[in-house]
Every structure is written in C-alpha cells, then in structure tokens.
N, C-alpha and C. Protein backbone atom coordinates (compact mmCIF):
# COMPACT_ATOMS: atom_id res chain seq x y z
N UNK A 1 3.85 -8.00 -16.24
CA UNK A 1 5.08 -7.29 -16.00
C UNK A 1 4.87 -5.81 -16.31
N UNK A 2 5.36 -4.99 -15.45
CA UNK A 2 5.15 -3.56 -15.57
C UNK A 2 6.38 -2.89 -16.16
N UNK A 3 6.22 -2.22 -17.29
CA UNK A 3 7.34 -1.48 -17.85
C UNK A 3 6.97 -0.04 -18.13
N UNK A 4 6.00 0.46 -17.40
CA UNK A 4 5.57 1.84 -17.55
C UNK A 4 5.88 2.60 -16.27
N UNK A 5 6.65 3.68 -16.38
CA UNK A 5 7.02 4.45 -15.18
C UNK A 5 5.83 4.86 -14.33
N UNK A 6 4.75 5.34 -14.96
CA UNK A 6 3.60 5.82 -14.18
C UNK A 6 2.99 4.70 -13.33
N UNK A 7 2.92 3.48 -13.90
CA UNK A 7 2.34 2.36 -13.15
C UNK A 7 3.24 1.97 -11.97
N UNK A 8 4.54 1.93 -12.20
CA UNK A 8 5.48 1.59 -11.13
C UNK A 8 5.41 2.63 -10.02
N UNK A 9 5.39 3.88 -10.40
CA UNK A 9 5.33 4.97 -9.42
C UNK A 9 4.02 4.91 -8.64
N UNK A 10 2.92 4.65 -9.32
CA UNK A 10 1.63 4.52 -8.64
C UNK A 10 1.66 3.38 -7.63
N UNK A 11 2.23 2.24 -8.03
CA UNK A 11 2.32 1.09 -7.12
C UNK A 11 3.15 1.44 -5.89
N UNK A 12 4.27 2.12 -6.07
CA UNK A 12 5.11 2.50 -4.93
C UNK A 12 4.42 3.51 -4.03
N UNK A 13 3.69 4.43 -4.61
CA UNK A 13 2.94 5.40 -3.80
C UNK A 13 1.85 4.71 -2.98
N UNK A 14 1.18 3.74 -3.58
CA UNK A 14 0.14 3.00 -2.86
C UNK A 14 0.73 2.22 -1.68
N UNK A 15 1.89 1.63 -1.89
CA UNK A 15 2.57 0.92 -0.81
C UNK A 15 2.89 1.88 0.32
N UNK A 16 3.39 3.06 -0.02
CA UNK A 16 3.74 4.07 0.98
C UNK A 16 2.50 4.55 1.72
N UNK A 17 1.41 4.80 0.99
CA UNK A 17 0.16 5.25 1.62
C UNK A 17 -0.39 4.17 2.55
N UNK A 18 -0.35 2.92 2.11
CA UNK A 18 -0.82 1.80 2.93
C UNK A 18 0.02 1.69 4.20
N UNK A 19 1.32 1.86 4.06
CA UNK A 19 2.22 1.79 5.22
C UNK A 19 1.87 2.89 6.22
N UNK A 20 1.67 4.10 5.73
CA UNK A 20 1.34 5.21 6.62
C UNK A 20 0.01 4.97 7.33
N UNK A 21 -0.97 4.48 6.59
CA UNK A 21 -2.30 4.24 7.15
C UNK A 21 -2.28 3.10 8.16
N UNK A 22 -1.57 2.03 7.84
CA UNK A 22 -1.57 0.84 8.69
C UNK A 22 -0.63 0.95 9.88
N UNK A 23 0.53 1.56 9.68
CA UNK A 23 1.57 1.55 10.71
C UNK A 23 1.95 2.93 11.26
N UNK A 24 1.40 3.98 10.67
CA UNK A 24 1.81 5.34 11.02
C UNK A 24 1.56 5.77 12.44
N UNK A 25 0.58 5.16 13.11
CA UNK A 25 0.24 5.56 14.47
C UNK A 25 0.84 4.64 15.54
N UNK A 26 1.72 3.73 15.15
CA UNK A 26 2.30 2.81 16.12
C UNK A 26 3.31 3.54 17.02
N UNK A 27 3.37 3.09 18.25
CA UNK A 27 4.35 3.65 19.19
C UNK A 27 5.72 3.04 18.91
N UNK A 28 6.74 3.60 19.52
CA UNK A 28 8.09 3.05 19.39
C UNK A 28 8.16 1.61 19.87
N UNK A 29 7.45 1.31 20.95
CA UNK A 29 7.40 -0.05 21.48
C UNK A 29 6.76 -1.00 20.46
N UNK A 30 5.68 -0.56 19.83
CA UNK A 30 5.00 -1.40 18.83
C UNK A 30 5.87 -1.57 17.58
N UNK A 31 6.52 -0.51 17.16
CA UNK A 31 7.40 -0.57 15.98
C UNK A 31 8.51 -1.60 16.19
N UNK A 32 9.00 -1.71 17.41
CA UNK A 32 10.15 -2.57 17.70
C UNK A 32 9.80 -3.93 18.30
N UNK A 33 8.52 -4.21 18.50
CA UNK A 33 8.11 -5.50 19.06
C UNK A 33 8.34 -6.61 18.05
N UNK A 34 8.97 -7.68 18.51
CA UNK A 34 9.26 -8.82 17.64
C UNK A 34 8.43 -10.03 18.08
N UNK A 35 7.86 -10.74 17.12
CA UNK A 35 7.01 -11.88 17.45
C UNK A 35 7.79 -13.08 18.00
N UNK A 36 9.09 -13.11 17.76
CA UNK A 36 9.93 -14.19 18.26
C UNK A 36 11.38 -13.73 18.23
N UNK A 37 12.25 -14.56 18.74
CA UNK A 37 13.69 -14.26 18.75
C UNK A 37 14.22 -14.01 17.34
N UNK A 38 13.72 -14.77 16.38
CA UNK A 38 14.21 -14.64 15.00
C UNK A 38 13.28 -13.83 14.11
N UNK A 39 12.06 -13.55 14.59
CA UNK A 39 11.11 -12.78 13.78
C UNK A 39 11.43 -11.30 13.77
N UNK A 40 11.13 -10.66 12.66
CA UNK A 40 11.38 -9.23 12.54
C UNK A 40 10.21 -8.42 13.05
N UNK A 41 10.53 -7.25 13.58
CA UNK A 41 9.52 -6.29 13.99
C UNK A 41 9.00 -5.55 12.76
N UNK A 42 7.93 -4.80 12.96
CA UNK A 42 7.41 -3.93 11.89
C UNK A 42 8.53 -3.00 11.40
N UNK A 43 9.22 -2.39 12.34
CA UNK A 43 10.29 -1.45 11.99
C UNK A 43 11.40 -2.11 11.21
N UNK A 44 11.76 -3.32 11.58
CA UNK A 44 12.83 -4.02 10.86
C UNK A 44 12.43 -4.32 9.41
N UNK A 45 11.15 -4.61 9.19
CA UNK A 45 10.68 -4.85 7.82
C UNK A 45 10.92 -3.60 6.95
N UNK A 46 10.57 -2.43 7.48
CA UNK A 46 10.74 -1.20 6.70
C UNK A 46 12.21 -0.80 6.57
N UNK A 47 12.99 -0.99 7.62
CA UNK A 47 14.42 -0.69 7.54
C UNK A 47 15.09 -1.57 6.49
N UNK A 48 14.70 -2.84 6.44
CA UNK A 48 15.24 -3.77 5.45
C UNK A 48 14.91 -3.31 4.03
N UNK A 49 13.70 -2.84 3.81
CA UNK A 49 13.32 -2.36 2.48
C UNK A 49 14.16 -1.16 2.07
N UNK A 50 14.36 -0.25 2.98
CA UNK A 50 15.17 0.93 2.68
C UNK A 50 16.59 0.51 2.31
N UNK A 51 17.19 -0.35 3.13
CA UNK A 51 18.57 -0.79 2.88
C UNK A 51 18.67 -1.55 1.55
N UNK A 52 17.68 -2.39 1.26
CA UNK A 52 17.70 -3.17 0.01
C UNK A 52 17.58 -2.26 -1.20
N UNK A 53 16.61 -1.35 -1.16
CA UNK A 53 16.41 -0.45 -2.31
C UNK A 53 17.62 0.43 -2.55
N UNK A 54 18.26 0.88 -1.48
CA UNK A 54 19.42 1.77 -1.64
C UNK A 54 20.57 1.10 -2.39
N UNK A 55 20.63 -0.21 -2.38
CA UNK A 55 21.68 -0.91 -3.14
C UNK A 55 21.51 -0.73 -4.64
N UNK A 56 20.33 -0.34 -5.09
CA UNK A 56 20.06 -0.09 -6.50
C UNK A 56 20.33 1.37 -6.91
N UNK A 57 20.45 2.27 -5.93
CA UNK A 57 20.48 3.69 -6.23
C UNK A 57 21.61 4.11 -7.17
N UNK A 58 22.81 3.62 -6.94
CA UNK A 58 23.92 4.04 -7.80
C UNK A 58 23.71 3.56 -9.23
N UNK A 59 23.16 2.36 -9.40
CA UNK A 59 22.87 1.84 -10.75
C UNK A 59 21.79 2.68 -11.42
N UNK A 60 20.77 3.07 -10.67
CA UNK A 60 19.72 3.90 -11.25
C UNK A 60 20.27 5.27 -11.66
N UNK A 61 21.15 5.83 -10.85
CA UNK A 61 21.77 7.10 -11.21
C UNK A 61 22.59 6.95 -12.49
N UNK A 62 23.32 5.86 -12.59
CA UNK A 62 24.13 5.58 -13.78
C UNK A 62 23.24 5.49 -15.03
N UNK A 63 22.13 4.78 -14.91
CA UNK A 63 21.20 4.63 -16.05
C UNK A 63 20.61 5.99 -16.40
N UNK A 64 20.15 6.74 -15.41
CA UNK A 64 19.54 8.05 -15.65
C UNK A 64 20.52 9.03 -16.29
N UNK A 65 21.79 8.92 -15.92
CA UNK A 65 22.81 9.82 -16.46
C UNK A 65 23.36 9.35 -17.80
N UNK A 66 22.84 8.24 -18.33
CA UNK A 66 23.29 7.70 -19.61
C UNK A 66 24.67 7.08 -19.54
N UNK A 67 25.12 6.71 -18.35
CA UNK A 67 26.47 6.16 -18.18
C UNK A 67 26.49 4.64 -18.02
N UNK A 68 25.32 4.02 -18.04
CA UNK A 68 25.25 2.57 -17.84
C UNK A 68 25.72 1.84 -19.10
N UNK A 69 26.67 0.97 -18.91
CA UNK A 69 27.15 0.10 -19.99
C UNK A 69 26.90 -1.32 -19.53
N UNK A 70 26.30 -2.12 -20.40
CA UNK A 70 26.05 -3.51 -20.04
C UNK A 70 27.37 -4.26 -19.84
N UNK A 71 27.42 -5.04 -18.77
CA UNK A 71 28.57 -5.92 -18.55
C UNK A 71 28.47 -7.06 -19.56
N UNK A 72 29.50 -7.85 -19.65
CA UNK A 72 29.50 -9.01 -20.54
C UNK A 72 28.32 -9.92 -20.20
N UNK A 73 28.13 -10.17 -18.91
CA UNK A 73 27.04 -11.04 -18.46
C UNK A 73 25.68 -10.43 -18.81
N UNK A 74 25.52 -9.13 -18.58
CA UNK A 74 24.26 -8.46 -18.90
C UNK A 74 23.98 -8.50 -20.39
N UNK A 75 25.01 -8.41 -21.19
CA UNK A 75 24.86 -8.41 -22.65
C UNK A 75 24.48 -9.77 -23.21
N UNK A 76 25.02 -10.83 -22.63
CA UNK A 76 24.89 -12.13 -23.27
C UNK A 76 24.17 -13.20 -22.45
N UNK A 77 23.77 -12.91 -21.25
CA UNK A 77 23.12 -13.94 -20.44
C UNK A 77 21.76 -14.32 -21.03
N UNK A 78 21.59 -15.59 -21.35
CA UNK A 78 20.29 -16.02 -21.86
C UNK A 78 19.27 -16.20 -20.74
N UNK A 79 19.70 -16.01 -19.49
CA UNK A 79 18.84 -16.27 -18.34
C UNK A 79 18.25 -15.00 -17.71
N UNK A 80 18.48 -13.85 -18.32
CA UNK A 80 17.98 -12.61 -17.72
C UNK A 80 16.48 -12.64 -17.50
N UNK A 81 15.73 -13.06 -18.49
CA UNK A 81 14.28 -13.16 -18.35
C UNK A 81 13.88 -14.17 -17.29
N UNK A 82 14.62 -15.27 -17.25
CA UNK A 82 14.35 -16.33 -16.27
C UNK A 82 14.53 -15.81 -14.84
N UNK A 83 15.68 -15.17 -14.57
CA UNK A 83 15.95 -14.68 -13.22
C UNK A 83 14.93 -13.63 -12.78
N UNK A 84 14.61 -12.71 -13.67
CA UNK A 84 13.63 -11.68 -13.33
C UNK A 84 12.29 -12.29 -12.98
N UNK A 85 11.80 -13.18 -13.84
CA UNK A 85 10.51 -13.82 -13.61
C UNK A 85 10.50 -14.67 -12.35
N UNK A 86 11.59 -15.39 -12.11
CA UNK A 86 11.70 -16.24 -10.94
C UNK A 86 11.64 -15.42 -9.65
N UNK A 87 12.38 -14.33 -9.61
CA UNK A 87 12.37 -13.47 -8.42
C UNK A 87 11.00 -12.85 -8.18
N UNK A 88 10.37 -12.38 -9.24
CA UNK A 88 9.05 -11.76 -9.09
C UNK A 88 8.06 -12.78 -8.55
N UNK A 89 8.03 -13.97 -9.12
CA UNK A 89 7.10 -15.01 -8.66
C UNK A 89 7.38 -15.42 -7.22
N UNK A 90 8.65 -15.58 -6.87
CA UNK A 90 8.98 -16.04 -5.52
C UNK A 90 8.62 -14.97 -4.47
N UNK A 91 8.73 -13.70 -4.83
CA UNK A 91 8.40 -12.64 -3.88
C UNK A 91 6.89 -12.50 -3.66
N UNK A 92 6.12 -12.95 -4.62
CA UNK A 92 4.66 -12.86 -4.49
C UNK A 92 4.10 -13.90 -3.52
N UNK A 93 4.88 -14.91 -3.24
CA UNK A 93 4.43 -15.99 -2.34
C UNK A 93 5.06 -15.79 -0.96
N UNK A 94 4.27 -16.04 0.06
CA UNK A 94 4.77 -15.90 1.42
C UNK A 94 5.04 -17.25 2.08
N UNK A 95 4.95 -18.32 1.31
CA UNK A 95 5.09 -19.66 1.88
C UNK A 95 6.47 -19.91 2.46
N UNK A 96 7.47 -19.33 1.85
CA UNK A 96 8.84 -19.64 2.22
C UNK A 96 9.57 -18.41 2.71
N UNK A 97 10.30 -18.58 3.81
CA UNK A 97 11.14 -17.49 4.31
C UNK A 97 12.45 -17.49 3.53
N UNK A 98 12.99 -16.30 3.33
CA UNK A 98 14.30 -16.16 2.70
C UNK A 98 15.24 -15.53 3.70
N UNK A 99 16.44 -15.98 3.70
CA UNK A 99 17.48 -15.35 4.52
C UNK A 99 18.02 -14.17 3.72
N UNK A 100 18.24 -13.05 4.38
CA UNK A 100 18.80 -11.88 3.70
C UNK A 100 20.14 -12.30 3.07
N UNK A 101 20.32 -12.02 1.77
CA UNK A 101 21.52 -12.49 1.07
C UNK A 101 22.82 -11.79 1.46
N UNK A 102 22.73 -10.71 2.19
CA UNK A 102 23.92 -9.99 2.63
C UNK A 102 23.63 -9.28 3.94
N UNK A 103 24.63 -9.19 4.79
CA UNK A 103 24.47 -8.51 6.07
C UNK A 103 24.13 -7.02 5.89
N UNK A 104 24.47 -6.46 4.74
CA UNK A 104 24.22 -5.04 4.48
C UNK A 104 22.75 -4.68 4.60
N UNK A 105 21.87 -5.66 4.37
CA UNK A 105 20.44 -5.35 4.37
C UNK A 105 19.70 -5.93 5.57
N UNK A 106 20.45 -6.49 6.51
CA UNK A 106 19.84 -6.98 7.74
C UNK A 106 19.66 -5.79 8.67
N UNK A 107 18.43 -5.55 9.10
CA UNK A 107 18.19 -4.38 9.95
C UNK A 107 18.71 -4.59 11.37
N UNK A 108 19.06 -3.50 12.05
CA UNK A 108 19.48 -3.62 13.45
C UNK A 108 18.28 -4.01 14.33
N UNK A 109 18.54 -4.34 15.56
CA UNK A 109 17.47 -4.75 16.49
C UNK A 109 16.55 -3.59 16.84
N UNK A 110 17.13 -2.44 17.10
CA UNK A 110 16.35 -1.27 17.52
C UNK A 110 16.19 -0.32 16.34
N UNK A 111 14.94 0.00 16.03
CA UNK A 111 14.62 0.83 14.87
C UNK A 111 14.01 2.15 15.35
N UNK A 112 14.35 3.23 14.66
CA UNK A 112 13.78 4.55 14.96
C UNK A 112 12.26 4.46 14.93
N UNK A 113 11.61 5.00 15.93
CA UNK A 113 10.15 4.93 16.00
C UNK A 113 9.47 5.68 14.85
N UNK A 114 10.21 6.52 14.15
CA UNK A 114 9.67 7.26 13.00
C UNK A 114 9.95 6.55 11.68
N UNK A 115 10.18 5.24 11.72
CA UNK A 115 10.57 4.50 10.52
C UNK A 115 9.53 4.59 9.40
N UNK A 116 8.27 4.70 9.73
CA UNK A 116 7.24 4.78 8.68
C UNK A 116 7.39 6.09 7.91
N UNK A 117 7.68 7.19 8.62
CA UNK A 117 7.92 8.47 7.95
C UNK A 117 9.23 8.42 7.17
N UNK A 118 10.23 7.76 7.73
CA UNK A 118 11.52 7.61 7.04
C UNK A 118 11.32 6.80 5.77
N UNK A 119 10.50 5.75 5.86
CA UNK A 119 10.19 4.93 4.68
C UNK A 119 9.47 5.77 3.62
N UNK A 120 8.53 6.61 4.04
CA UNK A 120 7.81 7.47 3.08
C UNK A 120 8.77 8.40 2.36
N UNK A 121 9.72 8.98 3.09
CA UNK A 121 10.73 9.85 2.46
C UNK A 121 11.61 9.04 1.50
N UNK A 122 11.94 7.83 1.91
CA UNK A 122 12.73 6.94 1.05
C UNK A 122 11.96 6.65 -0.24
N UNK A 123 10.66 6.38 -0.12
CA UNK A 123 9.85 6.10 -1.31
C UNK A 123 9.86 7.29 -2.26
N UNK A 124 9.79 8.48 -1.71
CA UNK A 124 9.84 9.68 -2.55
C UNK A 124 11.16 9.75 -3.30
N UNK A 125 12.26 9.44 -2.61
CA UNK A 125 13.58 9.42 -3.25
C UNK A 125 13.65 8.34 -4.33
N UNK A 126 13.14 7.16 -4.03
CA UNK A 126 13.13 6.06 -5.00
C UNK A 126 12.32 6.43 -6.23
N UNK A 127 11.16 7.01 -6.02
CA UNK A 127 10.31 7.43 -7.14
C UNK A 127 11.03 8.48 -7.99
N UNK A 128 11.74 9.38 -7.36
CA UNK A 128 12.52 10.38 -8.11
C UNK A 128 13.56 9.71 -8.99
N UNK A 129 14.21 8.69 -8.48
CA UNK A 129 15.23 7.97 -9.27
C UNK A 129 14.58 7.21 -10.43
N UNK A 130 13.42 6.64 -10.19
CA UNK A 130 12.70 5.94 -11.27
C UNK A 130 12.29 6.94 -12.35
N UNK A 131 11.79 8.09 -11.94
CA UNK A 131 11.41 9.12 -12.92
C UNK A 131 12.60 9.53 -13.78
N UNK A 132 13.77 9.60 -13.16
CA UNK A 132 14.96 9.97 -13.92
C UNK A 132 15.33 8.90 -14.95
N UNK A 133 14.84 7.68 -14.77
CA UNK A 133 15.13 6.57 -15.70
C UNK A 133 14.04 6.39 -16.75
N UNK A 134 13.08 7.31 -16.80
CA UNK A 134 11.95 7.16 -17.72
C UNK A 134 12.36 7.03 -19.18
N UNK A 135 13.44 7.68 -19.58
CA UNK A 135 13.81 7.64 -21.00
C UNK A 135 14.60 6.38 -21.37
N UNK A 136 15.04 5.62 -20.39
CA UNK A 136 15.76 4.37 -20.68
C UNK A 136 14.76 3.33 -21.20
N UNK A 137 15.24 2.44 -22.03
CA UNK A 137 14.41 1.34 -22.50
C UNK A 137 14.38 0.28 -21.40
N UNK A 138 13.28 0.18 -20.70
CA UNK A 138 13.19 -0.69 -19.53
C UNK A 138 13.26 -2.17 -19.90
N UNK A 139 12.93 -2.50 -21.13
CA UNK A 139 12.97 -3.90 -21.58
C UNK A 139 14.35 -4.30 -22.10
N UNK A 140 15.10 -3.34 -22.59
CA UNK A 140 16.43 -3.67 -23.15
C UNK A 140 17.58 -3.39 -22.19
N UNK A 141 17.35 -2.50 -21.23
CA UNK A 141 18.39 -2.22 -20.24
C UNK A 141 18.41 -3.36 -19.24
N UNK A 142 19.58 -3.95 -19.09
CA UNK A 142 19.73 -5.07 -18.14
C UNK A 142 20.64 -4.63 -17.00
N UNK A 143 20.33 -5.16 -15.83
CA UNK A 143 21.11 -4.86 -14.63
C UNK A 143 21.46 -6.17 -13.93
N UNK A 144 22.49 -6.10 -13.12
CA UNK A 144 22.91 -7.26 -12.33
C UNK A 144 22.37 -7.09 -10.92
N UNK A 145 21.87 -8.17 -10.38
CA UNK A 145 21.37 -8.14 -9.01
C UNK A 145 22.48 -7.73 -8.06
N UNK A 146 22.20 -6.81 -7.14
CA UNK A 146 23.22 -6.45 -6.16
C UNK A 146 23.44 -7.56 -5.12
N UNK A 147 22.61 -8.58 -5.17
CA UNK A 147 22.68 -9.66 -4.19
C UNK A 147 23.30 -10.94 -4.72
N UNK A 148 23.11 -11.21 -6.00
CA UNK A 148 23.64 -12.42 -6.62
C UNK A 148 24.24 -12.01 -7.96
N UNK A 149 25.54 -11.92 -8.00
CA UNK A 149 26.24 -11.34 -9.16
C UNK A 149 26.06 -12.11 -10.46
N UNK A 150 25.53 -13.33 -10.41
CA UNK A 150 25.27 -14.08 -11.64
C UNK A 150 23.87 -13.85 -12.18
N UNK A 151 23.01 -13.19 -11.40
CA UNK A 151 21.63 -12.94 -11.80
C UNK A 151 21.51 -11.58 -12.47
N UNK A 152 21.03 -11.60 -13.69
CA UNK A 152 20.75 -10.35 -14.40
C UNK A 152 19.27 -10.35 -14.76
N UNK A 153 18.72 -9.14 -14.92
CA UNK A 153 17.34 -9.02 -15.34
C UNK A 153 17.15 -7.65 -15.97
N UNK A 154 16.02 -7.48 -16.64
CA UNK A 154 15.74 -6.19 -17.27
C UNK A 154 15.43 -5.16 -16.20
N UNK A 155 15.58 -3.90 -16.56
CA UNK A 155 15.23 -2.82 -15.65
C UNK A 155 13.75 -2.91 -15.27
N UNK A 156 12.89 -3.26 -16.23
CA UNK A 156 11.46 -3.43 -15.95
C UNK A 156 11.25 -4.47 -14.87
N UNK A 157 11.93 -5.61 -15.00
CA UNK A 157 11.83 -6.65 -13.97
C UNK A 157 12.42 -6.17 -12.66
N UNK A 158 13.51 -5.43 -12.72
CA UNK A 158 14.13 -4.90 -11.50
C UNK A 158 13.17 -4.02 -10.72
N UNK A 159 12.43 -3.17 -11.42
CA UNK A 159 11.46 -2.31 -10.73
C UNK A 159 10.30 -3.14 -10.17
N UNK A 160 9.88 -4.17 -10.91
CA UNK A 160 8.80 -5.01 -10.41
C UNK A 160 9.27 -5.84 -9.21
N UNK A 161 10.53 -6.23 -9.21
CA UNK A 161 11.11 -6.93 -8.06
C UNK A 161 11.06 -6.03 -6.83
N UNK A 162 11.41 -4.77 -6.99
CA UNK A 162 11.34 -3.82 -5.88
C UNK A 162 9.91 -3.73 -5.34
N UNK A 163 8.94 -3.60 -6.24
CA UNK A 163 7.53 -3.49 -5.84
C UNK A 163 7.10 -4.75 -5.10
N UNK A 164 7.40 -5.91 -5.66
CA UNK A 164 6.97 -7.17 -5.02
C UNK A 164 7.69 -7.39 -3.69
N UNK A 165 8.95 -7.01 -3.62
CA UNK A 165 9.71 -7.13 -2.38
C UNK A 165 9.08 -6.25 -1.30
N UNK A 166 8.70 -5.04 -1.67
CA UNK A 166 8.04 -4.15 -0.71
C UNK A 166 6.71 -4.72 -0.26
N UNK A 167 5.92 -5.21 -1.20
CA UNK A 167 4.63 -5.81 -0.83
C UNK A 167 4.81 -6.98 0.13
N UNK A 168 5.81 -7.81 -0.16
CA UNK A 168 6.07 -8.99 0.69
C UNK A 168 6.35 -8.57 2.14
N UNK A 169 7.20 -7.56 2.31
CA UNK A 169 7.56 -7.17 3.68
C UNK A 169 6.47 -6.34 4.36
N UNK A 170 5.64 -5.67 3.61
CA UNK A 170 4.48 -5.01 4.21
C UNK A 170 3.51 -6.08 4.72
N UNK A 171 3.32 -7.15 3.94
CA UNK A 171 2.47 -8.26 4.41
C UNK A 171 3.07 -8.88 5.68
N UNK A 172 4.39 -9.02 5.71
CA UNK A 172 5.06 -9.55 6.89
C UNK A 172 4.79 -8.65 8.10
N UNK A 173 4.91 -7.34 7.91
CA UNK A 173 4.65 -6.39 9.00
C UNK A 173 3.20 -6.46 9.45
N UNK A 174 2.28 -6.65 8.51
CA UNK A 174 0.86 -6.78 8.86
C UNK A 174 0.62 -8.03 9.71
N UNK A 175 1.34 -9.11 9.42
CA UNK A 175 1.22 -10.32 10.23
C UNK A 175 1.69 -10.08 11.66
N UNK A 176 2.71 -9.24 11.81
CA UNK A 176 3.20 -8.91 13.15
C UNK A 176 2.07 -8.24 13.94
N UNK A 177 1.33 -7.35 13.32
CA UNK A 177 0.22 -6.66 14.00
C UNK A 177 -0.84 -7.64 14.49
N UNK A 178 -1.01 -8.75 13.78
CA UNK A 178 -2.05 -9.72 14.11
C UNK A 178 -1.61 -10.76 15.14
N UNK A 179 -0.35 -10.69 15.55
CA UNK A 179 0.15 -11.63 16.57
C UNK A 179 -0.62 -11.43 17.88
N UNK A 180 -0.93 -12.53 18.54
CA UNK A 180 -1.71 -12.47 19.78
C UNK A 180 -1.06 -11.60 20.85
N UNK A 181 0.25 -11.61 20.94
CA UNK A 181 0.96 -10.86 21.98
C UNK A 181 1.39 -9.46 21.56
N UNK A 182 0.97 -9.03 20.37
CA UNK A 182 1.36 -7.69 19.92
C UNK A 182 0.85 -6.65 20.92
N UNK A 183 1.73 -5.74 21.37
CA UNK A 183 1.32 -4.75 22.38
C UNK A 183 0.23 -3.81 21.84
N UNK A 184 -0.75 -3.62 22.66
CA UNK A 184 -1.88 -2.75 22.26
C UNK A 184 -1.70 -1.34 22.74
C-alpha cells in the first residue's frame, strides 16, 4: 500500500507517459474504434478515467484546505480497511468486468481525438490536488467512496484505488489495440 505522495505521483506520471507513448499517435478513427457493441474504445477508457477521478476532486480540495470532517460512517466504520483492500485487489485483476456504478462516469460514444492529451492534462491536475494533500495523514484521513456511499477507506487507499483503476483501464485500452479488426 502506498502512502507516500512522491510514490503516488510517480505512478500517475508513469501511467500518463505510457498512455502518451502507446496511444498518442492514434487517429480519431482509432481512438473511437470499439471492439464490439458493448466494448469500449481506447478513447472511452480514458474519458471514463477522467470522469471517475473528477468525482474525488471536491473531497481532495476539502482535505487540502483543512475543511474535511469525518462523517459518522468514516469515523466509526470497522470496514474501512476491508473496503480499501478489496477495491485495490479487485482492480488489479482483469478477469471480471465491472459495470460503471453510475451513469456520471459512463463515457459518450464519440470521444475527442485528442483524449490522450486531455488525459495528460487531467493527470497534471490530479497530481496537483494530491500534492496539496501532502500534509494530511493519509492513513488516518478516511473518505467515502463517491460510488458506494457505505464504502469508506483511507486516503492512502483512495489514491491507490485511483492508480489501480487507471492501470486497469490502460490495460483494457491496450487490449483494444491488439484486436484483430483494429484499424491500422
């Protein structure tokens, strides 16, 4: 488990660099090509990550500004460690598909062909918000999942969840590139 800002920031930068290297030269047609009716395109994977991460932004601002107060559930839930660990482990495995828990994070069908650059700018913004939270105690600060209001976890786990979620969808986008019918 990562509870050091520098390590989290390094991991996010590596994800961004990998995305630029792997997907940065794709055409708009390639960005939006879907392997099936229900499969996501490369662009949809990155749009989903942006939308998902943005749901944490107001909470991160609150923590950075010293305005975060633990809710009753965050203060007393004996399952915070369980939920954090469970989410991290499940995101590391690609065996099972997950349905997006809210329509807010489902990407549209057509994605801007510059999504990889948009994702890189988003990563810079996310890293800035993480840096602003450096003085918070990442192990003692608890947050509630924006997707499941009964799930709480530490800020350290929350950041690792973001990293693992990004890795999962980058792997998904890489699989799209390897599809036999992917446009060349």
